Amino acid sequence: MFRITSFYLIIISIILSYNLAFSTEFTLHYDILLGSIKLGESTIQLRKNSYEARAKTVGPGNLIYPYSAKWITYIEKNGYPQKSIIISKDRFKQREKHIIFNSNNSKVIVERIQPKRSSQSYDIPFPVYDELSAFVASWHLDYLKNGNFELPLYIDGERYPVKINLKGKISCNFNNQTKTCLEIGVILPEKSELLRRSREVTLILLQEERFPIEIRGKLPLFGSLKAKLRSLSVNSEISERSP
């Protein structure tokens, strides 16, 4: 169940165009499914200066392993992270850490708040994404000109490459309409700022609107897990504090 809960935030790192203006702020709502069984829910909220992902178990997921998580990434204009706030809670304890990206000094500072306070800094080559900003950035790569990409990803004191490739175009359904989607393969490190996860993930990305309507992963013991887009809502009167 640890791998399943960490997968919530893979589906947990932009500027979409589902008949929306460039600066519109909105939220994507996903159901997390194991086969036909709903185990959890996740949202990804996109704002001008930050992204926020939330995940929680529901129904059978709560019976097996109750879990909730929130990840906020404050971003620069180019989409790279300035600061990440990561909070998670299971039946045993709550965890919280803040990750500060200092691009001027090529340092990443990690401040652990819970369960025990500590601070540590790492020398990391920049530019670098955190997990949420990399996920969102992957939606807007120019797959039709170049089918293979690598994004630099910071995780737990190290810099890893995330390998992304276009598998092909497929027909898909969204909002009761037949659309053209891009099937994107992603190879991730098993390590995460939350929990271990599936290394191989598939995104089903709307070609024109450029947001994922489905995310799939294969996990040991549990088999195929997917996140399916349930709805999209436009944010209004959002208050936001700077990092």
C-alpha atoms as a PDB file:
ATOM      1  CA  MET A   1       0.000   0.000   0.000  1.00  0.00           C
ATOM      2  CA  PHE A   2       2.988   2.295   0.471  1.00  0.00           C
ATOM      3  CA  ARG A   3       3.621   2.199  -3.283  1.00  0.00           C
ATOM      4  CA  ILE A   4      -0.037   2.936  -4.038  1.00  0.00           C
ATOM      5  CA  THR A   5      -0.184   5.985  -1.782  1.00  0.00           C
ATOM      6  CA  SER A   6       3.021   7.423  -3.218  1.00  0.00           C
ATOM      7  CA  PHE A   7       1.604   6.983  -6.717  1.00  0.00           C
ATOM      8  CA  TYR A   8      -1.173   9.445  -5.815  1.00  0.00           C
ATOM      9  CA  LEU A   9       1.247  12.367  -6.027  1.00  0.00           C
ATOM     10  CA  ILE A  10       2.910  11.131  -9.174  1.00  0.00           C
ATOM     11  CA  ILE A  11      -0.334  11.723 -10.999  1.00  0.00           C
ATOM     12  CA  ILE A  12       1.883  13.337  -8.647  1.00  0.00           C
ATOM     13  CA  SER A  13       5.142  17.892 -11.703  1.00  0.00           C
ATOM     14  CA  ILE A  14       0.915  23.558 -16.751  1.00  0.00           C
ATOM     15  CA  ILE A  15      -0.710  26.130 -18.278  1.00  0.00           C
ATOM     16  CA  LEU A  16      -3.614  24.409 -19.953  1.00  0.00           C
ATOM     17  CA  SER A  17      -6.034  25.498 -22.638  1.00  0.00           C
ATOM     18  CA  TYR A  18      -9.317  23.632 -22.220  1.00  0.00           C
ATOM     19  CA  ASN A  19     -11.101  26.686 -23.652  1.00  0.00           C
ATOM     20  CA  LEU A  20      -9.352  28.654 -20.911  1.00  0.00           C
ATOM     21  CA  ALA A  21      -7.215  31.777 -21.018  1.00  0.00           C
ATOM     22  CA  PHE A  22      -3.464  31.389 -20.551  1.00  0.00           C
ATOM     23  CA  SER A  23      -3.577  32.803 -17.021  1.00  0.00           C
ATOM     24  CA  THR A  24      -6.652  30.882 -15.830  1.00  0.00           C
ATOM     25  CA  GLU A  25      -6.242  28.974 -12.573  1.00  0.00           C
ATOM     26  CA  PHE A  26      -7.968  25.609 -12.358  1.00  0.00           C
ATOM     27  CA  THR A  27      -8.063  22.206 -10.665  1.00  0.00           C
ATOM     28  CA  LEU A  28      -7.980  18.683 -12.076  1.00  0.00           C
ATOM     29  CA  HIS A  29      -9.874  16.025 -10.080  1.00  0.00           C
ATOM     30  CA  TYR A  30      -8.829  12.365 -10.358  1.00  0.00           C
ATOM     31  CA  ASP A  31     -10.124   9.040  -9.060  1.00  0.00           C
ATOM     32  CA  ILE A  32      -7.476   6.466  -8.100  1.00  0.00           C
ATOM     33  CA  LEU A  33      -8.543   2.987  -9.228  1.00  0.00           C
ATOM     34  CA  LEU A  34      -7.249  -0.534  -8.722  1.00  0.00           C
ATOM     35  CA  GLY A  35      -9.138  -2.307 -11.483  1.00  0.00           C
ATOM     36  CA  SER A  36     -12.689  -1.058 -10.954  1.00  0.00           C
ATOM     37  CA  ILE A  37     -12.212  -0.440  -7.209  1.00  0.00           C
ATOM     38  CA  LYS A  38     -11.805   3.180  -6.142  1.00  0.00           C
ATOM     39  CA  LEU A  39      -9.078   3.468  -3.515  1.00  0.00           C
ATOM     40  CA  GLY A  40      -8.479   7.197  -3.441  1.00  0.00           C
ATOM     41  CA  GLU A  41      -8.900  10.670  -4.846  1.00  0.00           C
ATOM     42  CA  SER A  42      -6.378  13.246  -5.978  1.00  0.00           C
ATOM     43  CA  THR A  43      -6.463  16.875  -7.128  1.00  0.00           C
ATOM     44  CA  ILE A  44      -3.889  19.010  -8.899  1.00  0.00           C
ATOM     45  CA  GLN A  45      -4.479  22.727  -8.592  1.00  0.00           C
ATOM     46  CA  LEU A  46      -2.582  25.005 -10.971  1.00  0.00           C
ATOM     47  CA  ARG A  47      -2.074  28.642 -10.035  1.00  0.00           C
ATOM     48  CA  LYS A  48       0.010  31.426 -11.512  1.00  0.00           C
ATOM     49  CA  ASN A  49       2.792  31.089  -8.948  1.00  0.00           C
ATOM     50  CA  SER A  50       2.317  27.605  -7.526  1.00  0.00           C
ATOM     51  CA  TYR A  51       1.040  24.075  -8.015  1.00  0.00           C
ATOM     52  CA  GLU A  52      -0.720  22.074  -5.324  1.00  0.00           C
ATOM     53  CA  ALA A  53      -1.413  18.338  -5.301  1.00  0.00           C
ATOM     54  CA  ARG A  54      -3.569  16.592  -2.705  1.00  0.00           C
ATOM     55  CA  ALA A  55      -4.285  12.909  -2.299  1.00  0.00           C
ATOM     56  CA  LYS A  56      -6.231  10.770   0.129  1.00  0.00           C
ATOM     57  CA  THR A  57      -7.468   7.237   0.456  1.00  0.00           C
ATOM     58  CA  VAL A  58     -11.220   6.579   0.431  1.00  0.00           C
ATOM     59  CA  GLY A  59     -13.464   3.546   0.928  1.00  0.00           C
ATOM     60  CA  PRO A  60     -11.431   0.293   0.816  1.00  0.00           C
ATOM     61  CA  GLY A  61      -8.237   2.331   0.727  1.00  0.00           C
ATOM     62  CA  ASN A  62      -9.022   3.722   4.178  1.00  0.00           C
ATOM     63  CA  LEU A  63      -9.594   0.215   5.508  1.00  0.00           C
ATOM     64  CA  ILE A  64      -6.294  -1.090   4.119  1.00  0.00           C
ATOM     65  CA  TYR A  65      -4.052   1.883   4.865  1.00  0.00           C
ATOM     66  CA  PRO A  66      -5.504   5.342   5.631  1.00  0.00           C
ATOM     67  CA  TYR A  67      -3.306   8.019   4.099  1.00  0.00           C
ATOM     68  CA  SER A  68      -3.403  11.656   3.036  1.00  0.00           C
ATOM     69  CA  ALA A  69      -0.814  13.969   1.515  1.00  0.00           C
ATOM     70  CA  LYS A  70      -0.410  17.544   0.331  1.00  0.00           C
ATOM     71  CA  TRP A  71       2.375  18.881  -1.862  1.00  0.00           C
ATOM     72  CA  ILE A  72       2.744  22.593  -2.694  1.00  0.00           C
ATOM     73  CA  THR A  73       5.423  23.857  -5.069  1.00  0.00           C
ATOM     74  CA  TYR A  74       6.023  27.590  -5.478  1.00  0.00           C
ATOM     75  CA  ILE A  75       7.473  28.199  -8.912  1.00  0.00           C
ATOM     76  CA  GLU A  76       9.557  30.736 -10.790  1.00  0.00           C
ATOM     77  CA  LYS A  77       8.335  32.221 -14.074  1.00  0.00           C
ATOM     78  CA  ASN A  78      10.193  29.521 -16.013  1.00  0.00           C
ATOM     79  CA  GLY A  79       8.407  26.742 -14.113  1.00  0.00           C
ATOM     80  CA  TYR A  80      11.347  25.669 -11.944  1.00  0.00           C
ATOM     81  CA  PRO A  81      10.675  25.327  -8.206  1.00  0.00           C
ATOM     82  CA  GLN A  82      11.513  27.900  -5.549  1.00  0.00           C
ATOM     83  CA  LYS A  83      10.138  25.992  -2.581  1.00  0.00           C
ATOM     84  CA  SER A  84       8.262  22.759  -1.907  1.00  0.00           C
ATOM     85  CA  ILE A  85       6.113  22.034   1.137  1.00  0.00           C
ATOM     86  CA  ILE A  86       5.315  18.339   1.571  1.00  0.00           C
ATOM     87  CA  ILE A  87       2.959  17.044   4.268  1.00  0.00           C
ATOM     88  CA  SER A  88       1.779  13.462   4.667  1.00  0.00           C
ATOM     89  CA  LYS A  89      -0.141  11.538   7.305  1.00  0.00           C
ATOM     90  CA  ASP A  90      -0.726   7.828   7.818  1.00  0.00           C
ATOM     91  CA  ARG A  91      -2.137   5.904  10.760  1.00  0.00           C
ATOM     92  CA  PHE A  92       1.169   6.128  12.578  1.00  0.00           C
ATOM     93  CA  LYS A  93       2.484   9.680  12.243  1.00  0.00           C
ATOM     94  CA  GLN A  94       2.460  12.978  10.361  1.00  0.00           C
ATOM     95  CA  ARG A  95       5.479  14.118   8.344  1.00  0.00           C
ATOM     96  CA  GLU A  96       6.343  17.558   7.026  1.00  0.00           C
ATOM     97  CA  LYS A  97       9.357  18.888   5.140  1.00  0.00           C
ATOM     98  CA  HIS A  98      10.202  22.087   3.282  1.00  0.00           C
ATOM     99  CA  ILE A  99      12.616  22.063   0.340  1.00  0.00           C
ATOM    100  CA  ILE A 100      14.190  25.374  -0.705  1.00  0.00           C
ATOM    101  CA  PHE A 101      15.806  25.658  -4.138  1.00  0.00           C
ATOM    102  CA  ASN A 102      18.577  28.275  -4.209  1.00  0.00           C
ATOM    103  CA  SER A 103      19.539  28.507  -7.875  1.00  0.00           C
ATOM    104  CA  ASN A 104      22.008  31.358  -7.288  1.00  0.00           C
ATOM    105  CA  ASN A 105      24.195  29.161  -5.077  1.00  0.00           C
ATOM    106  CA  SER A 106      23.235  25.795  -6.649  1.00  0.00           C
ATOM    107  CA  LYS A 107      22.056  24.553  -3.263  1.00  0.00           C
ATOM    108  CA  VAL A 108      18.990  22.715  -2.065  1.00  0.00           C
ATOM    109  CA  ILE A 109      18.093  23.161   1.606  1.00  0.00           C
ATOM    110  CA  VAL A 110      15.838  20.594   3.259  1.00  0.00           C
ATOM    111  CA  GLU A 111      14.094  21.530   6.502  1.00  0.00           C
ATOM    112  CA  ARG A 112      12.289  18.690   8.214  1.00  0.00           C
ATOM    113  CA  ILE A 113       9.532  19.950  10.504  1.00  0.00           C
ATOM    114  CA  GLN A 114       7.872  16.696  11.610  1.00  0.00           C
ATOM    115  CA  PRO A 115       8.251  14.197  13.184  1.00  0.00           C
ATOM    116  CA  LYS A 116      11.655  15.613  14.204  1.00  0.00           C
ATOM    117  CA  ARG A 117      13.198  18.958  13.302  1.00  0.00           C
ATOM    118  CA  SER A 118      16.397  18.933  11.268  1.00  0.00           C
ATOM    119  CA  SER A 119      18.053  20.854   8.447  1.00  0.00           C
ATOM    120  CA  GLN A 120      20.479  19.843   5.711  1.00  0.00           C
ATOM    121  CA  SER A 121      21.846  21.404   2.524  1.00  0.00           C
ATOM    122  CA  TYR A 122      23.009  19.783  -0.716  1.00  0.00           C
ATOM    123  CA  ASP A 123      25.116  21.022  -3.616  1.00  0.00           C
ATOM    124  CA  ILE A 124      23.028  20.219  -6.699  1.00  0.00           C
ATOM    125  CA  PRO A 125      23.611  21.223 -10.348  1.00  0.00           C
ATOM    126  CA  PHE A 126      20.866  23.576 -11.534  1.00  0.00           C
ATOM    127  CA  PRO A 127      18.424  23.802 -13.228  1.00  0.00           C
ATOM    128  CA  VAL A 128      16.403  21.124 -11.479  1.00  0.00           C
ATOM    129  CA  TYR A 129      12.746  20.305 -10.927  1.00  0.00           C
ATOM    130  CA  ASP A 130      10.990  18.865  -7.922  1.00  0.00           C
ATOM    131  CA  GLU A 131       8.603  15.970  -8.547  1.00  0.00           C
ATOM    132  CA  LEU A 132       5.432  18.034  -8.912  1.00  0.00           C
ATOM    133  CA  SER A 133       6.879  20.740 -11.180  1.00  0.00           C
ATOM    134  CA  ALA A 134       8.529  18.076 -13.381  1.00  0.00           C
ATOM    135  CA  PHE A 135       5.213  16.262 -13.715  1.00  0.00           C
ATOM    136  CA  VAL A 136       3.447  19.421 -14.852  1.00  0.00           C
ATOM    137  CA  ALA A 137       6.333  20.453 -17.146  1.00  0.00           C
ATOM    138  CA  SER A 138       6.123  17.084 -18.928  1.00  0.00           C
ATOM    139  CA  TRP A 139       2.649  17.951 -20.228  1.00  0.00           C
ATOM    140  CA  HIS A 140       3.979  20.729 -22.448  1.00  0.00           C
ATOM    141  CA  LEU A 141       7.017  19.221 -24.113  1.00  0.00           C
ATOM    142  CA  ASP A 142       6.963  19.344 -27.913  1.00  0.00           C
ATOM    143  CA  TYR A 143       6.448  15.628 -28.488  1.00  0.00           C
ATOM    144  CA  LEU A 144       5.587  16.035 -32.169  1.00  0.00           C
ATOM    145  CA  LYS A 145       9.033  17.483 -32.963  1.00  0.00           C
ATOM    146  CA  ASN A 146      11.064  15.352 -30.568  1.00  0.00           C
ATOM    147  CA  GLY A 147       9.736  12.140 -29.062  1.00  0.00           C
ATOM    148  CA  ASN A 148      12.405  11.731 -26.368  1.00  0.00           C
ATOM    149  CA  PHE A 149      13.245  13.991 -23.427  1.00  0.00           C
ATOM    150  CA  GLU A 150      15.046  14.010 -20.090  1.00  0.00           C
ATOM    151  CA  LEU A 151      14.106  16.319 -17.226  1.00  0.00           C
ATOM    152  CA  PRO A 152      16.494  16.910 -14.276  1.00  0.00           C
ATOM    153  CA  LEU A 153      14.778  15.915 -11.031  1.00  0.00           C
ATOM    154  CA  TYR A 154      15.780  16.568  -7.407  1.00  0.00           C
ATOM    155  CA  ILE A 155      14.978  13.790  -4.922  1.00  0.00           C
ATOM    156  CA  ASP A 156      16.409  13.277  -1.441  1.00  0.00           C
ATOM    157  CA  GLY A 157      19.738  15.039  -1.868  1.00  0.00           C
ATOM    158  CA  GLU A 158      20.455  13.878  -5.425  1.00  0.00           C
ATOM    159  CA  ARG A 159      19.763  14.815  -9.053  1.00  0.00           C
ATOM    160  CA  TYR A 160      18.168  12.187 -11.290  1.00  0.00           C
ATOM    161  CA  PRO A 161      17.147  12.145 -14.962  1.00  0.00           C
ATOM    162  CA  VAL A 162      13.492  11.471 -15.729  1.00  0.00           C
ATOM    163  CA  LYS A 163      13.229   9.819 -19.145  1.00  0.00           C
ATOM    164  CA  ILE A 164      10.135  10.646 -21.184  1.00  0.00           C
ATOM    165  CA  ASN A 165       9.169   9.326 -24.605  1.00  0.00           C
ATOM    166  CA  LEU A 166       6.242   9.504 -26.996  1.00  0.00           C
ATOM    167  CA  LYS A 167       4.791   6.037 -27.617  1.00  0.00           C
ATOM    168  CA  GLY A 168       2.282   7.243 -30.203  1.00  0.00           C
ATOM    169  CA  LYS A 169      -1.083   8.851 -30.856  1.00  0.00           C
ATOM    170  CA  ILE A 170      -4.305   7.157 -29.762  1.00  0.00           C
ATOM    171  CA  SER A 171      -8.032   7.893 -29.839  1.00  0.00           C
ATOM    172  CA  CYS A 172      -9.492   8.775 -26.434  1.00  0.00           C
ATOM    173  CA  ASN A 173     -12.699  10.054 -24.892  1.00  0.00           C
ATOM    174  CA  PHE A 174     -13.071  13.164 -22.753  1.00  0.00           C
ATOM    175  CA  ASN A 175     -16.189  15.119 -21.831  1.00  0.00           C
ATOM    176  CA  ASN A 176     -18.267  12.817 -24.067  1.00  0.00           C
ATOM    177  CA  GLN A 177     -16.145  13.703 -27.084  1.00  0.00           C
ATOM    178  CA  THR A 178     -13.679  11.648 -29.096  1.00  0.00           C
ATOM    179  CA  LYS A 179     -10.252  13.264 -28.934  1.00  0.00           C
ATOM    180  CA  THR A 180      -6.691  12.624 -30.055  1.00  0.00           C
ATOM    181  CA  CYS A 181      -4.350  11.788 -27.209  1.00  0.00           C
ATOM    182  CA  LEU A 182      -0.619  11.271 -26.870  1.00  0.00           C
ATOM    183  CA  GLU A 183       0.534   8.145 -25.065  1.00  0.00           C
ATOM    184  CA  ILE A 184       3.607   9.130 -23.075  1.00  0.00           C
ATOM    185  CA  GLY A 185       5.978   6.736 -21.320  1.00  0.00           C
ATOM    186  CA  VAL A 186       7.858   7.983 -18.244  1.00  0.00           C
ATOM    187  CA  ILE A 187      10.756   6.257 -16.455  1.00  0.00           C
ATOM    188  CA  LEU A 188      11.184   7.529 -12.887  1.00  0.00           C
ATOM    189  CA  PRO A 189      13.604   6.745 -10.058  1.00  0.00           C
ATOM    190  CA  GLU A 190      12.045   4.537  -7.390  1.00  0.00           C
ATOM    191  CA  LYS A 191      13.021   7.078  -4.735  1.00  0.00           C
ATOM    192  CA  SER A 192      10.565   9.838  -3.880  1.00  0.00           C
ATOM    193  CA  GLU A 193      10.219  12.630  -1.336  1.00  0.00           C
ATOM    194  CA  LEU A 194       7.165  10.705  -0.145  1.00  0.00           C
ATOM    195  CA  LEU A 195       7.367   6.934  -0.620  1.00  0.00           C
ATOM    196  CA  ARG A 196       8.708   4.391  -3.079  1.00  0.00           C
ATOM    197  CA  ARG A 197       6.732   4.152  -6.281  1.00  0.00           C
ATOM    198  CA  SER A 198       6.305   2.514  -9.639  1.00  0.00           C
ATOM    199  CA  ARG A 199       9.243   3.328 -11.949  1.00  0.00           C
ATOM    200  CA  GLU A 200       7.239   3.092 -15.166  1.00  0.00           C
ATOM    201  CA  VAL A 201       4.249   5.370 -15.652  1.00  0.00           C
ATOM    202  CA  THR A 202       2.108   6.014 -18.727  1.00  0.00           C
ATOM    203  CA  LEU A 203       0.350   9.344 -19.311  1.00  0.00           C
ATOM    204  CA  ILE A 204      -2.617   9.668 -21.639  1.00  0.00           C
ATOM    205  CA  LEU A 205      -2.339  13.314 -22.606  1.00  0.00           C
ATOM    206  CA  LEU A 206      -4.883  15.301 -24.619  1.00  0.00           C
ATOM    207  CA  GLN A 207      -2.952  16.495 -27.677  1.00  0.00           C
ATOM    208  CA  GLU A 208      -4.558  19.921 -27.971  1.00  0.00           C
ATOM    209  CA  GLU A 209      -5.508  20.762 -24.383  1.00  0.00           C
ATOM    210  CA  ARG A 210      -2.326  19.253 -22.917  1.00  0.00           C
ATOM    211  CA  PHE A 211      -3.406  17.765 -19.632  1.00  0.00           C
ATOM    212  CA  PRO A 212      -3.539  14.068 -18.663  1.00  0.00           C
ATOM    213  CA  ILE A 213      -6.915  12.339 -18.606  1.00  0.00           C
ATOM    214  CA  GLU A 214      -5.400   9.079 -17.369  1.00  0.00           C
ATOM    215  CA  ILE A 215      -2.201   7.970 -15.632  1.00  0.00           C
ATOM    216  CA  ARG A 216      -1.259   4.288 -15.406  1.00  0.00           C
ATOM    217  CA  GLY A 217       1.327   2.398 -13.386  1.00  0.00           C
ATOM    218  CA  LYS A 218       2.161  -1.257 -12.730  1.00  0.00           C
ATOM    219  CA  LEU A 219       2.939  -2.064  -9.126  1.00  0.00           C
ATOM    220  CA  PRO A 220       4.276  -5.289  -7.565  1.00  0.00           C
ATOM    221  CA  LEU A 221       1.621  -7.279  -5.672  1.00  0.00           C
ATOM    222  CA  PHE A 222      -1.184  -4.911  -6.693  1.00  0.00           C
ATOM    223  CA  GLY A 223      -0.958  -5.000 -10.489  1.00  0.00           C
ATOM    224  CA  SER A 224      -2.236  -2.125 -12.611  1.00  0.00           C
ATOM    225  CA  LEU A 225      -3.230   1.120 -10.930  1.00  0.00           C
ATOM    226  CA  LYS A 226      -4.643   4.132 -12.728  1.00  0.00           C
ATOM    227  CA  ALA A 227      -5.740   7.679 -12.049  1.00  0.00           C
ATOM    228  CA  LYS A 228      -8.689   8.761 -14.181  1.00  0.00           C
ATOM    229  CA  LEU A 229      -9.710  12.379 -14.660  1.00  0.00           C
ATOM    230  CA  ARG A 230     -13.177  12.914 -13.211  1.00  0.00           C
ATOM    231  CA  SER A 231     -13.606  16.659 -13.752  1.00  0.00           C
ATOM    232  CA  LEU A 232     -11.937  20.027 -14.283  1.00  0.00           C
ATOM    233  CA  SER A 233     -12.949  23.128 -12.351  1.00  0.00           C
ATOM    234  CA  VAL A 234     -11.917  26.760 -12.697  1.00  0.00           C
ATOM    235  CA  ASN A 235     -10.529  28.284  -9.510  1.00  0.00           C
ATOM    236  CA  SER A 236     -11.998  31.543  -8.249  1.00  0.00           C
ATOM    237  CA  GLU A 237     -10.910  33.957  -5.550  1.00  0.00           C
ATOM    238  CA  ILE A 238      -7.868  31.906  -4.621  1.00  0.00           C
ATOM    239  CA  SER A 239      -5.755  33.378  -1.879  1.00  0.00           C
ATOM    240  CA  GLU A 240      -2.088  32.515  -2.087  1.00  0.00           C
ATOM    241  CA  ARG A 241       0.909  33.301   0.087  1.00  0.00           C
ATOM    242  CA  SER A 242       4.416  33.569  -1.240  1.00  0.00           C
ATOM    243  CA  PRO A 243       7.028  31.040  -0.074  1.00  0.00           C
END
